[in-house]
C-alpha cells in the first residue's frame, strides 16, 4: 500500500510493487541518458591455427594448436602434422602410453 510518504510515485499495475512509474515532470527537465555505441574491434592476428585430429583408433582431438609460422607455404598443412606428432610424443612420454598415429588432420572451423 502506498502511503503519504511516496512523493508522487504512482503504481502502474496494482499487483506488482516494482512497477512504479516516475512522477510527471515537465518536458524541459527530462534528460534522457545517452550511451556511447560500442565499436567492433578488429580481429587480432592470432599466433596459432587450430586443427582437428582423428587417430587410427578413430578417437578425436579437437582444437589442437599449431603456430602460424609452422603452417602455410608450399607444403600446406603437412608441417602441422609434424608439429602435432611432436606434441603427441611429448604427451606420450609424460603419460607413459604409446603415441597414436594420425589418420586425418583438418583445420578447425572456428
PDB file of N, CA and C in Angstrom:
ATOM      1  N   UNK A   1       0.847  -1.167   0.000  1.00  0.00           N
ATOM      2  CA  UNK A   1       0.000   0.000   0.000  1.00  0.00           C
ATOM      3  C   UNK A   1       0.891   1.228   0.000  1.00  0.00           C
ATOM      4  N   UNK A   2       0.632   2.135  -0.873  1.00  0.00           N
ATOM      5  CA  UNK A   2       1.418   3.348  -0.940  1.00  0.00           C
ATOM      6  C   UNK A   2       0.875   4.344   0.070  1.00  0.00           C
ATOM      7  N   UNK A   3       1.763   4.893   0.848  1.00  0.00           N
ATOM      8  CA  UNK A   3       1.346   5.832   1.879  1.00  0.00           C
ATOM      9  C   UNK A   3       1.566   7.263   1.444  1.00  0.00           C
ATOM     10  N   UNK A   4       1.493   8.155   2.379  1.00  0.00           N
ATOM     11  CA  UNK A   4       1.636   9.573   2.077  1.00  0.00           C
ATOM     12  C   UNK A   4       3.088   9.958   1.834  1.00  0.00           C
ATOM     13  N   UNK A   5       4.053   9.101   2.192  1.00  0.00           N
ATOM     14  CA  UNK A   5       5.466   9.413   2.013  1.00  0.00           C
ATOM     15  C   UNK A   5       6.023   8.946   0.684  1.00  0.00           C
ATOM     16  N   UNK A   6       5.193   8.725  -0.313  1.00  0.00           N
ATOM     17  CA  UNK A   6       5.649   8.195  -1.593  1.00  0.00           C
ATOM     18  C   UNK A   6       6.058   9.279  -2.576  1.00  0.00           C
ATOM     19  N   UNK A   7       5.912  10.503  -2.261  1.00  0.00           N
ATOM     20  CA  UNK A   7       6.404  11.651  -3.023  1.00  0.00           C
ATOM     21  C   UNK A   7       5.967  11.639  -4.477  1.00  0.00           C
ATOM     22  N   UNK A   8       4.737  11.363  -4.738  1.00  0.00           N
ATOM     23  CA  UNK A   8       4.226  11.486  -6.096  1.00  0.00           C
ATOM     24  C   UNK A   8       4.375  10.247  -6.961  1.00  0.00           C
ATOM     25  N   UNK A   9       4.899   9.147  -6.435  1.00  0.00           N
ATOM     26  CA  UNK A   9       5.023   7.921  -7.206  1.00  0.00           C
ATOM     27  C   UNK A   9       3.641   7.316  -7.402  1.00  0.00           C
ATOM     28  N   UNK A  10       3.422   6.781  -8.587  1.00  0.00           N
ATOM     29  CA  UNK A  10       2.155   6.107  -8.857  1.00  0.00           C
ATOM     30  C   UNK A  10       2.440   4.693  -9.322  1.00  0.00           C
ATOM     31  N   UNK A  11       1.555   3.825  -9.019  1.00  0.00           N
ATOM     32  CA  UNK A  11       1.717   2.428  -9.394  1.00  0.00           C
ATOM     33  C   UNK A  11       1.074   2.196 -10.751  1.00  0.00           C
ATOM     34  N   UNK A  12       1.802   1.495 -11.654  1.00  0.00           N
ATOM     35  CA  UNK A  12       1.232   1.245 -12.972  1.00  0.00           C
ATOM     36  C   UNK A  12       0.345   0.014 -12.970  1.00  0.00           C
ATOM     37  N   UNK A  13       0.648  -0.953 -12.175  1.00  0.00           N
ATOM     38  CA  UNK A  13      -0.189  -2.139 -12.007  1.00  0.00           C
ATOM     39  C   UNK A  13      -0.375  -2.356 -10.525  1.00  0.00           C
ATOM     40  N   UNK A  14      -1.541  -2.762 -10.160  1.00  0.00           N
ATOM     41  CA  UNK A  14      -1.828  -2.865  -8.738  1.00  0.00           C
ATOM     42  C   UNK A  14      -1.226  -4.109  -8.100  1.00  0.00           C
ATOM     43  N   UNK A  15      -0.809  -5.092  -8.873  1.00  0.00           N
ATOM     44  CA  UNK A  15      -0.357  -6.343  -8.283  1.00  0.00           C
ATOM     45  C   UNK A  15       1.158  -6.413  -8.087  1.00  0.00           C
ATOM     46  N   UNK A  16       1.921  -5.474  -8.637  1.00  0.00           N
ATOM     47  CA  UNK A  16       3.368  -5.539  -8.536  1.00  0.00           C
ATOM     48  C   UNK A  16       3.915  -4.297  -7.866  1.00  0.00           C
ATOM     49  N   UNK A  17       4.727  -4.483  -6.855  1.00  0.00           N
ATOM     50  CA  UNK A  17       5.315  -3.342  -6.160  1.00  0.00           C
ATOM     51  C   UNK A  17       6.441  -2.706  -6.950  1.00  0.00           C
ATOM     52  N   UNK A  18       7.110  -3.494  -7.793  1.00  0.00           N
ATOM     53  CA  UNK A  18       8.258  -2.967  -8.502  1.00  0.00           C
ATOM     54  C   UNK A  18       7.882  -2.157  -9.737  1.00  0.00           C
ATOM     55  N   UNK A  19       6.648  -2.181 -10.140  1.00  0.00           N
ATOM     56  CA  UNK A  19       6.247  -1.460 -11.341  1.00  0.00           C
ATOM     57  C   UNK A  19       5.729  -0.074 -10.974  1.00  0.00           C
ATOM     58  N   UNK A  20       6.623   0.751 -10.478  1.00  0.00           N
ATOM     59  CA  UNK A  20       6.262   2.117 -10.132  1.00  0.00           C
ATOM     60  C   UNK A  20       6.649   3.042 -11.264  1.00  0.00           C
ATOM     61  N   UNK A  21       5.841   4.008 -11.551  1.00  0.00           N
ATOM     62  CA  UNK A  21       6.122   4.957 -12.619  1.00  0.00           C
ATOM     63  C   UNK A  21       6.728   6.209 -12.009  1.00  0.00           C
ATOM     64  N   UNK A  22       7.593   6.878 -12.769  1.00  0.00           N
ATOM     65  CA  UNK A  22       8.167   8.135 -12.313  1.00  0.00           C
ATOM     66  C   UNK A  22       7.064   9.183 -12.203  1.00  0.00           C
ATOM     67  N   UNK A  23       7.184  10.096 -11.268  1.00  0.00           N
ATOM     68  CA  UNK A  23       6.196  11.172 -11.211  1.00  0.00           C
ATOM     69  C   UNK A  23       6.314  12.049 -12.458  1.00  0.00           C
ATOM     70  N   UNK A  24       5.240  12.676 -12.827  1.00  0.00           N
ATOM     71  CA  UNK A  24       5.230  13.500 -14.031  1.00  0.00           C
ATOM     72  C   UNK A  24       6.158  14.693 -13.844  1.00  0.00           C
ATOM     73  N   UNK A  25       7.065  14.899 -14.800  1.00  0.00           N
ATOM     74  CA  UNK A  25       7.989  16.029 -14.775  1.00  0.00           C
ATOM     75  C   UNK A  25       7.764  16.861 -16.019  1.00  0.00           C
ATOM     76  N   UNK A  26       8.024  18.141 -15.940  1.00  0.00           N
ATOM     77  CA  UNK A  26       7.925  18.952 -17.154  1.00  0.00           C
ATOM     78  C   UNK A  26       8.913  18.445 -18.197  1.00  0.00           C
ATOM     79  N   UNK A  27       8.557  18.568 -19.477  1.00  0.00           N
ATOM     80  CA  UNK A  27       9.375  18.048 -20.569  1.00  0.00           C
ATOM     81  C   UNK A  27      10.744  18.700 -20.610  1.00  0.00           C
ATOM     82  N   UNK A  28      10.878  19.921 -20.160  1.00  0.00           N
ATOM     83  CA  UNK A  28      12.164  20.628 -20.202  1.00  0.00           C
ATOM     84  C   UNK A  28      13.155  20.031 -19.219  1.00  0.00           C
ATOM     85  N   UNK A  29      12.689  19.407 -18.162  1.00  0.00           N
ATOM     86  CA  UNK A  29      13.582  18.876 -17.136  1.00  0.00           C
ATOM     87  C   UNK A  29      13.988  17.436 -17.388  1.00  0.00           C
ATOM     88  N   UNK A  30      13.337  16.759 -18.310  1.00  0.00           N
ATOM     89  CA  UNK A  30      13.642  15.359 -18.565  1.00  0.00           C
ATOM     90  C   UNK A  30      14.862  15.273 -19.477  1.00  0.00           C
ATOM     91  N   UNK A  31      15.921  14.677 -18.968  1.00  0.00           N
ATOM     92  CA  UNK A  31      17.138  14.466 -19.744  1.00  0.00           C
ATOM     93  C   UNK A  31      17.371  12.965 -19.819  1.00  0.00           C
ATOM     94  N   UNK A  32      17.264  12.435 -21.016  1.00  0.00           N
ATOM     95  CA  UNK A  32      17.467  11.002 -21.194  1.00  0.00           C
ATOM     96  C   UNK A  32      18.955  10.697 -21.250  1.00  0.00           C
ATOM     97  N   UNK A  33      19.390   9.648 -20.579  1.00  0.00           N
ATOM     98  CA  UNK A  33      20.809   9.297 -20.623  1.00  0.00           C
ATOM     99  C   UNK A  33      21.189   8.786 -22.013  1.00  0.00           C
ATOM    100  N   UNK A  34      22.347   9.160 -22.464  1.00  0.00           N
ATOM    101  CA  UNK A  34      22.839   8.669 -23.750  1.00  0.00           C
ATOM    102  C   UNK A  34      23.988   7.714 -23.497  1.00  0.00           C
ATOM    103  N   UNK A  35      23.994   6.671 -24.255  1.00  0.00           N
ATOM    104  CA  UNK A  35      25.046   5.673 -24.120  1.00  0.00           C
ATOM    105  C   UNK A  35      25.880   5.698 -25.390  1.00  0.00           C
ATOM    106  N   UNK A  36      27.167   5.623 -25.230  1.00  0.00           N
ATOM    107  CA  UNK A  36      28.019   5.600 -26.408  1.00  0.00           C
ATOM    108  C   UNK A  36      27.945   4.222 -27.056  1.00  0.00           C
ATOM    109  N   UNK A  37      28.019   4.206 -28.363  1.00  0.00           N
ATOM    110  CA  UNK A  37      27.950   2.943 -29.081  1.00  0.00           C
ATOM    111  C   UNK A  37      29.290   2.229 -28.980  1.00  0.00           C
ATOM    112  N   UNK A  38      29.225   0.938 -28.823  1.00  0.00           N
ATOM    113  CA  UNK A  38      30.432   0.130 -28.748  1.00  0.00           C
ATOM    114  C   UNK A  38      30.889  -0.184 -30.161  1.00  0.00           C
ATOM    115  N   UNK A  39      32.127   0.116 -30.440  1.00  0.00           N
ATOM    116  CA  UNK A  39      32.649  -0.165 -31.764  1.00  0.00           C
ATOM    117  C   UNK A  39      33.208  -1.578 -31.806  1.00  0.00           C
ATOM    118  N   UNK A  40      33.058  -2.202 -32.952  1.00  0.00           N
ATOM    119  CA  UNK A  40      33.566  -3.556 -33.124  1.00  0.00           C
ATOM    120  C   UNK A  40      35.081  -3.522 -33.209  1.00  0.00           C
ATOM    121  N   UNK A  41      35.716  -4.404 -32.497  1.00  0.00           N
ATOM    122  CA  UNK A  41      37.172  -4.462 -32.570  1.00  0.00           C
ATOM    123  C   UNK A  41      37.587  -5.300 -33.775  1.00  0.00           C
ATOM    124  N   UNK A  42      38.697  -4.955 -34.333  1.00  0.00           N
ATOM    125  CA  UNK A  42      39.212  -5.698 -35.483  1.00  0.00           C
ATOM    126  C   UNK A  42      39.774  -7.025 -35.003  1.00  0.00           C
ATOM    127  N   UNK A  43      39.678  -8.064 -35.810  1.00  0.00           N
ATOM    128  CA  UNK A  43      40.238  -9.350 -35.390  1.00  0.00           C
ATOM    129  C   UNK A  43      41.754  -9.245 -35.224  1.00  0.00           C
ATOM    130  N   UNK A  44      42.223  -9.808 -34.145  1.00  0.00           N
ATOM    131  CA  UNK A  44      43.652  -9.750 -33.872  1.00  0.00           C
ATOM    132  C   UNK A  44      44.363 -10.866 -34.626  1.00  0.00           C
ATOM    133  N   UNK A  45      45.597 -10.597 -34.947  1.00  0.00           N
ATOM    134  CA  UNK A  45      46.413 -11.613 -35.608  1.00  0.00           C
ATOM    135  C   UNK A  45      46.718 -12.705 -34.586  1.00  0.00           C
ATOM    136  N   UNK A  46      46.211 -13.870 -34.842  1.00  0.00           N
ATOM    137  CA  UNK A  46      46.429 -14.974 -33.897  1.00  0.00           C
ATOM    138  C   UNK A  46      47.800 -15.578 -34.117  1.00  0.00           C
ATOM    139  N   UNK A  47      48.304 -16.175 -33.096  1.00  0.00           N
ATOM    140  CA  UNK A  47      49.593 -16.822 -33.197  1.00  0.00           C
ATOM    141  C   UNK A  47      49.481 -18.311 -33.467  1.00  0.00           C
ATOM    142  N   UNK A  48      48.239 -18.826 -33.528  1.00  0.00           N
ATOM    143  CA  UNK A  48      48.036 -20.262 -33.690  1.00  0.00           C
ATOM    144  C   UNK A  48      46.950 -20.547 -34.723  1.00  0.00           C
ATOM    145  N   UNK A  49      47.045 -21.718 -35.320  1.00  0.00           N
ATOM    146  CA  UNK A  49      45.989 -22.272 -36.169  1.00  0.00           C
ATOM    147  C   UNK A  49      45.489 -23.507 -35.440  1.00  0.00           C
ATOM    148  N   UNK A  50      44.170 -23.712 -35.432  1.00  0.00           N
ATOM    149  CA  UNK A  50      43.588 -24.844 -34.721  1.00  0.00           C
ATOM    150  C   UNK A  50      43.280 -25.979 -35.699  1.00  0.00           C
ATOM    151  N   UNK A  51      43.572 -27.199 -35.275  1.00  0.00           N
ATOM    152  CA  UNK A  51      43.346 -28.381 -36.098  1.00  0.00           C
ATOM    153  C   UNK A  51      42.539 -29.416 -35.328  1.00  0.00           C
ATOM    154  N   UNK A  52      41.718 -30.170 -36.066  1.00  0.00           N
ATOM    155  CA  UNK A  52      41.025 -31.344 -35.529  1.00  0.00           C
ATOM    156  C   UNK A  52      41.786 -32.571 -36.012  1.00  0.00           C
ATOM    157  N   UNK A  53      42.054 -33.487 -35.101  1.00  0.00           N
ATOM    158  CA  UNK A  53      42.856 -34.668 -35.411  1.00  0.00           C
ATOM    159  C   UNK A  53      42.022 -35.918 -35.166  1.00  0.00           C
ATOM    160  N   UNK A  54      42.029 -36.833 -36.136  1.00  0.00           N
ATOM    161  CA  UNK A  54      41.413 -38.156 -35.970  1.00  0.00           C
ATOM    162  C   UNK A  54      42.556 -39.162 -36.008  1.00  0.00           C
ATOM    163  N   UNK A  55      42.625 -40.015 -34.971  1.00  0.00           N
ATOM    164  CA  UNK A  55      43.698 -41.003 -34.865  1.00  0.00           C
ATOM    165  C   UNK A  55      43.257 -42.331 -35.460  1.00  0.00           C
ATOM    166  N   UNK A  56      44.185 -43.274 -35.600  1.00  0.00           N
ATOM    167  CA  UNK A  56      43.922 -44.574 -36.215  1.00  0.00           C
ATOM    168  C   UNK A  56      42.837 -45.369 -35.483  1.00  0.00           C
ATOM    169  N   UNK A  57      42.696 -45.181 -34.177  1.00  0.00           N
ATOM    170  CA  UNK A  57      41.656 -45.903 -33.438  1.00  0.00           C
ATOM    171  C   UNK A  57      40.327 -45.136 -33.434  1.00  0.00           C
ATOM    172  N   UNK A  58      40.203 -44.142 -34.352  1.00  0.00           N
ATOM    173  CA  UNK A  58      39.016 -43.298 -34.525  1.00  0.00           C
ATOM    174  C   UNK A  58      38.715 -42.401 -33.328  1.00  0.00           C
ATOM    175  N   UNK A  59      39.675 -42.213 -32.433  1.00  0.00           N
ATOM    176  CA  UNK A  59      39.500 -41.209 -31.387  1.00  0.00           C
ATOM    177  C   UNK A  59      39.793 -39.842 -32.005  1.00  0.00           C
ATOM    178  N   UNK A  60      39.292 -38.808 -31.365  1.00  0.00           N
ATOM    179  CA  UNK A  60      39.379 -37.477 -31.945  1.00  0.00           C
ATOM    180  C   UNK A  60      39.922 -36.477 -30.928  1.00  0.00           C
ATOM    181  N   UNK A  61      40.743 -35.560 -31.398  1.00  0.00           N
ATOM    182  CA  UNK A  61      41.238 -34.456 -30.584  1.00  0.00           C
ATOM    183  C   UNK A  61      40.906 -33.169 -31.325  1.00  0.00           C
ATOM    184  N   UNK A  62      40.164 -32.290 -30.687  1.00  0.00           N
ATOM    185  CA  UNK A  62      39.737 -31.061 -31.333  1.00  0.00           C
ATOM    186  C   UNK A  62      40.582 -29.888 -30.882  1.00  0.00           C
ATOM    187  N   UNK A  63      40.703 -28.908 -31.760  1.00  0.00           N
ATOM    188  CA  UNK A  63      41.360 -27.631 -31.474  1.00  0.00           C
ATOM    189  C   UNK A  63      42.801 -27.787 -30.990  1.00  0.00           C
ATOM    190  N   UNK A  64      43.562 -28.589 -31.692  1.00  0.00           N
ATOM    191  CA  UNK A  64      44.996 -28.701 -31.390  1.00  0.00           C
ATOM    192  C   UNK A  64      45.698 -27.482 -31.964  1.00  0.00           C
ATOM    193  N   UNK A  65      46.519 -26.818 -31.164  1.00  0.00           N
ATOM    194  CA  UNK A  65      47.168 -25.574 -31.567  1.00  0.00           C
ATOM    195  C   UNK A  65      48.490 -25.835 -32.272  1.00  0.00           C
ATOM    196  N   UNK A  66      48.654 -25.131 -33.402  1.00  0.00           N
ATOM    197  CA  UNK A  66      49.903 -25.197 -34.161  1.00  0.00           C
ATOM    198  C   UNK A  66      50.287 -23.756 -34.480  1.00  0.00           C
ATOM    199  N   UNK A  67      51.534 -23.358 -34.236  1.00  0.00           N
ATOM    200  CA  UNK A  67      51.936 -21.979 -34.537  1.00  0.00           C
ATOM    201  C   UNK A  67      51.746 -21.656 -36.019  1.00  0.00           C
ATOM    202  N   UNK A  68      51.356 -20.407 -36.296  1.00  0.00           N
ATOM    203  CA  UNK A  68      51.144 -19.976 -37.681  1.00  0.00           C
ATOM    204  C   UNK A  68      52.424 -20.102 -38.492  1.00  0.00           C
ATOM    205  N   UNK A  69      53.546 -19.882 -37.845  1.00  0.00           N
ATOM    206  CA  UNK A  69      54.821 -19.946 -38.562  1.00  0.00           C
ATOM    207  C   UNK A  69      55.105 -21.343 -39.112  1.00  0.00           C
ATOM    208  N   UNK A  70      54.475 -22.378 -38.537  1.00  0.00           N
ATOM    209  CA  UNK A  70      54.736 -23.749 -38.982  1.00  0.00           C
ATOM    210  C   UNK A  70      53.874 -24.155 -40.172  1.00  0.00           C
ATOM    211  N   UNK A  71      52.760 -23.481 -40.399  1.00  0.00           N
ATOM    212  CA  UNK A  71      51.862 -23.876 -41.489  1.00  0.00           C
ATOM    213  C   UNK A  71      51.935 -22.888 -42.636  1.00  0.00           C
ATOM    214  N   UNK A  72      51.387 -23.280 -43.754  1.00  0.00           N
ATOM    215  CA  UNK A  72      51.358 -22.412 -44.926  1.00  0.00           C
ATOM    216  C   UNK A  72      52.487 -22.742 -45.872  1.00  0.00           C
ATOM    217  N   UNK A  73      52.685 -21.888 -46.844  1.00  0.00           N
ATOM    218  CA  UNK A  73      53.730 -22.125 -47.829  1.00  0.00           C
ATOM    219  C   UNK A  73      53.320 -23.205 -48.811  1.00  0.00           C
ATOM    220  N   UNK A  74      54.304 -23.778 -49.476  1.00  0.00           N
ATOM    221  CA  UNK A  74      54.031 -24.794 -50.496  1.00  0.00           C
ATOM    222  C   UNK A  74      53.631 -26.140 -49.903  1.00  0.00           C
ATOM    223  N   UNK A  75      54.056 -26.401 -48.664  1.00  0.00           N
ATOM    224  CA  UNK A  75      53.741 -27.684 -48.032  1.00  0.00           C
ATOM    225  C   UNK A  75      52.323 -27.734 -47.479  1.00  0.00           C
ATOM    226  N   UNK A  76      51.647 -26.602 -47.390  1.00  0.00           N
ATOM    227  CA  UNK A  76      50.276 -26.569 -46.880  1.00  0.00           C
ATOM    228  C   UNK A  76      50.231 -26.906 -45.404  1.00  0.00           C
ATOM    229  N   UNK A  77      49.389 -27.870 -45.030  1.00  0.00           N
ATOM    230  CA  UNK A  77      49.212 -28.243 -43.628  1.00  0.00           C
ATOM    231  C   UNK A  77      50.072 -29.425 -43.207  1.00  0.00           C
ATOM    232  N   UNK A  78      50.934 -29.907 -44.083  1.00  0.00           N
ATOM    233  CA  UNK A  78      51.787 -31.054 -43.738  1.00  0.00           C
ATOM    234  C   UNK A  78      52.743 -30.743 -42.580  1.00  0.00           C
ATOM    235  N   UNK A  79      53.325 -29.542 -42.488  1.00  0.00           N
ATOM    236  CA  UNK A  79      54.155 -29.247 -41.314  1.00  0.00           C
ATOM    237  C   UNK A  79      53.371 -29.286 -40.006  1.00  0.00           C
ATOM    238  N   UNK A  80      52.068 -29.016 -40.078  1.00  0.00           N
ATOM    239  CA  UNK A  80      51.239 -29.086 -38.865  1.00  0.00           C
ATOM    240  C   UNK A  80      51.170 -30.517 -38.349  1.00  0.00           C
ATOM    241  N   UNK A  81      51.157 -31.486 -39.267  1.00  0.00           N
ATOM    242  CA  UNK A  81      51.142 -32.891 -38.857  1.00  0.00           C
ATOM    243  C   UNK A  81      52.393 -33.230 -38.046  1.00  0.00           C
ATOM    244  N   UNK A  82      53.553 -32.731 -38.505  1.00  0.00           N
ATOM    245  CA  UNK A  82      54.802 -33.000 -37.761  1.00  0.00           C
ATOM    246  C   UNK A  82      54.778 -32.332 -36.390  1.00  0.00           C
ATOM    247  N   UNK A  83      54.249 -31.105 -36.320  1.00  0.00           N
ATOM    248  CA  UNK A  83      54.187 -30.398 -35.032  1.00  0.00           C
ATOM    249  C   UNK A  83      53.264 -31.138 -34.066  1.00  0.00           C
ATOM    250  N   UNK A  84      52.113 -31.587 -34.560  1.00  0.00           N
ATOM    251  CA  UNK A  84      51.175 -32.308 -33.693  1.00  0.00           C
ATOM    252  C   UNK A  84      51.753 -33.649 -33.274  1.00  0.00           C
ATOM    253  N   UNK A  85      52.486 -34.326 -34.165  1.00  0.00           N
ATOM    254  CA  UNK A  85      53.132 -35.581 -33.788  1.00  0.00           C
ATOM    255  C   UNK A  85      54.178 -35.343 -32.701  1.00  0.00           C
ATOM    256  N   UNK A  86      54.917 -34.238 -32.780  1.00  0.00           N
ATOM    257  CA  UNK A  86      55.886 -33.908 -31.725  1.00  0.00           C
ATOM    258  C   UNK A  86      55.163 -33.640 -30.409  1.00  0.00           C
ATOM    259  N   UNK A  87      54.031 -32.942 -30.462  1.00  0.00           N
ATOM    260  CA  UNK A  87      53.241 -32.703 -29.250  1.00  0.00           C
ATOM    261  C   UNK A  87      52.756 -34.026 -28.665  1.00  0.00           C
ATOM    262  N   UNK A  88      52.298 -34.933 -29.548  1.00  0.00           N
ATOM    263  CA  UNK A  88      51.817 -36.241 -29.089  1.00  0.00           C
ATOM    264  C   UNK A  88      52.942 -37.063 -28.458  1.00  0.00           C
ATOM    265  N   UNK A  89      54.157 -36.971 -29.012  1.00  0.00           N
ATOM    266  CA  UNK A  89      55.293 -37.689 -28.425  1.00  0.00           C
ATOM    267  C   UNK A  89      55.594 -37.170 -27.031  1.00  0.00           C
ATOM    268  N   UNK A  90      55.524 -35.851 -26.835  1.00  0.00           N
ATOM    269  CA  UNK A  90      55.767 -35.283 -25.508  1.00  0.00           C
ATOM    270  C   UNK A  90      54.687 -35.717 -24.520  1.00  0.00           C
ATOM    271  N   UNK A  91      53.437 -35.752 -24.991  1.00  0.00           N
ATOM    272  CA  UNK A  91      52.342 -36.195 -24.125  1.00  0.00           C
ATOM    273  C   UNK A  91      52.494 -37.673 -23.787  1.00  0.00           C
ATOM    274  N   UNK A  92      52.890 -38.478 -24.785  1.00  0.00           N
ATOM    275  CA  UNK A  92      53.065 -39.918 -24.554  1.00  0.00           C
ATOM    276  C   UNK A  92      54.208 -40.180 -23.585  1.00  0.00           C
ATOM    277  N   UNK A  93      55.279 -39.396 -23.660  1.00  0.00           N
ATOM    278  CA  UNK A  93      56.407 -39.583 -22.742  1.00  0.00           C
ATOM    279  C   UNK A  93      55.996 -39.272 -21.307  1.00  0.00           C
ATOM    280  N   UNK A  94      55.159 -38.255 -21.129  1.00  0.00           N
ATOM    281  CA  UNK A  94      54.724 -37.883 -19.773  1.00  0.00           C
ATOM    282  C   UNK A  94      53.706 -38.864 -19.219  1.00  0.00           C
ATOM    283  N   UNK A  95      52.834 -39.399 -20.097  1.00  0.00           N
ATOM    284  CA  UNK A  95      51.772 -40.277 -19.615  1.00  0.00           C
ATOM    285  C   UNK A  95      52.183 -41.742 -19.551  1.00  0.00           C
ATOM    286  N   UNK A  96      53.232 -42.103 -20.286  1.00  0.00           N
ATOM    287  CA  UNK A  96      53.663 -43.494 -20.289  1.00  0.00           C
ATOM    288  C   UNK A  96      52.878 -44.359 -21.251  1.00  0.00           C
ATOM    289  N   UNK A  97      52.044 -43.782 -22.080  1.00  0.00           N
ATOM    290  CA  UNK A  97      51.267 -44.524 -23.063  1.00  0.00           C
ATOM    291  C   UNK A  97      51.893 -44.350 -24.439  1.00  0.00           C
ATOM    292  N   UNK A  98      51.697 -45.310 -25.341  1.00  0.00           N
ATOM    293  CA  UNK A  98      52.258 -45.160 -26.685  1.00  0.00           C
ATOM    294  C   UNK A  98      51.503 -44.085 -27.474  1.00  0.00           C
ATOM    295  N   UNK A  99      52.220 -43.457 -28.397  1.00  0.00           N
ATOM    296  CA  UNK A  99      51.628 -42.407 -29.226  1.00  0.00           C
ATOM    297  C   UNK A  99      50.794 -43.048 -30.327  1.00  0.00           C
ATOM    298  N   UNK A 100      49.617 -42.487 -30.588  1.00  0.00           N
ATOM    299  CA  UNK A 100      48.754 -42.981 -31.659  1.00  0.00           C
ATOM    300  C   UNK A 100      49.132 -42.289 -32.962  1.00  0.00           C
ATOM    301  N   UNK A 101      49.007 -43.008 -34.073  1.00  0.00           N
ATOM    302  CA  UNK A 101      49.317 -42.390 -35.358  1.00  0.00           C
ATOM    303  C   UNK A 101      48.086 -41.631 -35.870  1.00  0.00           C
ATOM    304  N   UNK A 102      48.348 -40.568 -36.601  1.00  0.00           N
ATOM    305  CA  UNK A 102      47.292 -39.688 -37.080  1.00  0.00           C
ATOM    306  C   UNK A 102      46.696 -40.245 -38.376  1.00  0.00           C
ATOM    307  N   UNK A 103      45.380 -40.361 -38.402  1.00  0.00           N
ATOM    308  CA  UNK A 103      44.665 -40.857 -39.578  1.00  0.00           C
ATOM    309  C   UNK A 103      44.252 -39.678 -40.470  1.00  0.00           C
ATOM    310  N   UNK A 104      43.718 -38.613 -39.861  1.00  0.00           N
ATOM    311  CA  UNK A 104      43.216 -37.482 -40.634  1.00  0.00           C
ATOM    312  C   UNK A 104      43.470 -36.202 -39.852  1.00  0.00           C
ATOM    313  N   UNK A 105      43.828 -35.141 -40.578  1.00  0.00           N
ATOM    314  CA  UNK A 105      44.116 -33.840 -39.986  1.00  0.00           C
ATOM    315  C   UNK A 105      43.388 -32.769 -40.788  1.00  0.00           C
ATOM    316  N   UNK A 106      42.490 -32.014 -40.138  1.00  0.00           N
ATOM    317  CA  UNK A 106      41.746 -30.939 -40.811  1.00  0.00           C
ATOM    318  C   UNK A 106      41.767 -29.689 -39.940  1.00  0.00           C
ATOM    319  N   UNK A 107      41.665 -28.529 -40.592  1.00  0.00           N
ATOM    320  CA  UNK A 107      41.591 -27.274 -39.844  1.00  0.00           C
ATOM    321  C   UNK A 107      40.234 -27.165 -39.159  1.00  0.00           C
ATOM    322  N   UNK A 108      40.250 -26.630 -37.935  1.00  0.00           N
ATOM    323  CA  UNK A 108      39.005 -26.430 -37.202  1.00  0.00           C
ATOM    324  C   UNK A 108      38.219 -25.294 -37.816  1.00  0.00           C
ATOM    325  N   UNK A 109      36.913 -25.402 -37.755  1.00  0.00           N
ATOM    326  CA  UNK A 109      36.026 -24.345 -38.268  1.00  0.00           C
ATOM    327  C   UNK A 109      35.624 -23.465 -37.107  1.00  0.00           C
ATOM    328  N   UNK A 110      36.463 -22.526 -36.761  1.00  0.00           N
ATOM    329  CA  UNK A 110      36.188 -21.657 -35.607  1.00  0.00           C
ATOM    330  C   UNK A 110      35.718 -20.323 -36.062  1.00  0.00           C
TER     331      UNK A 110
END
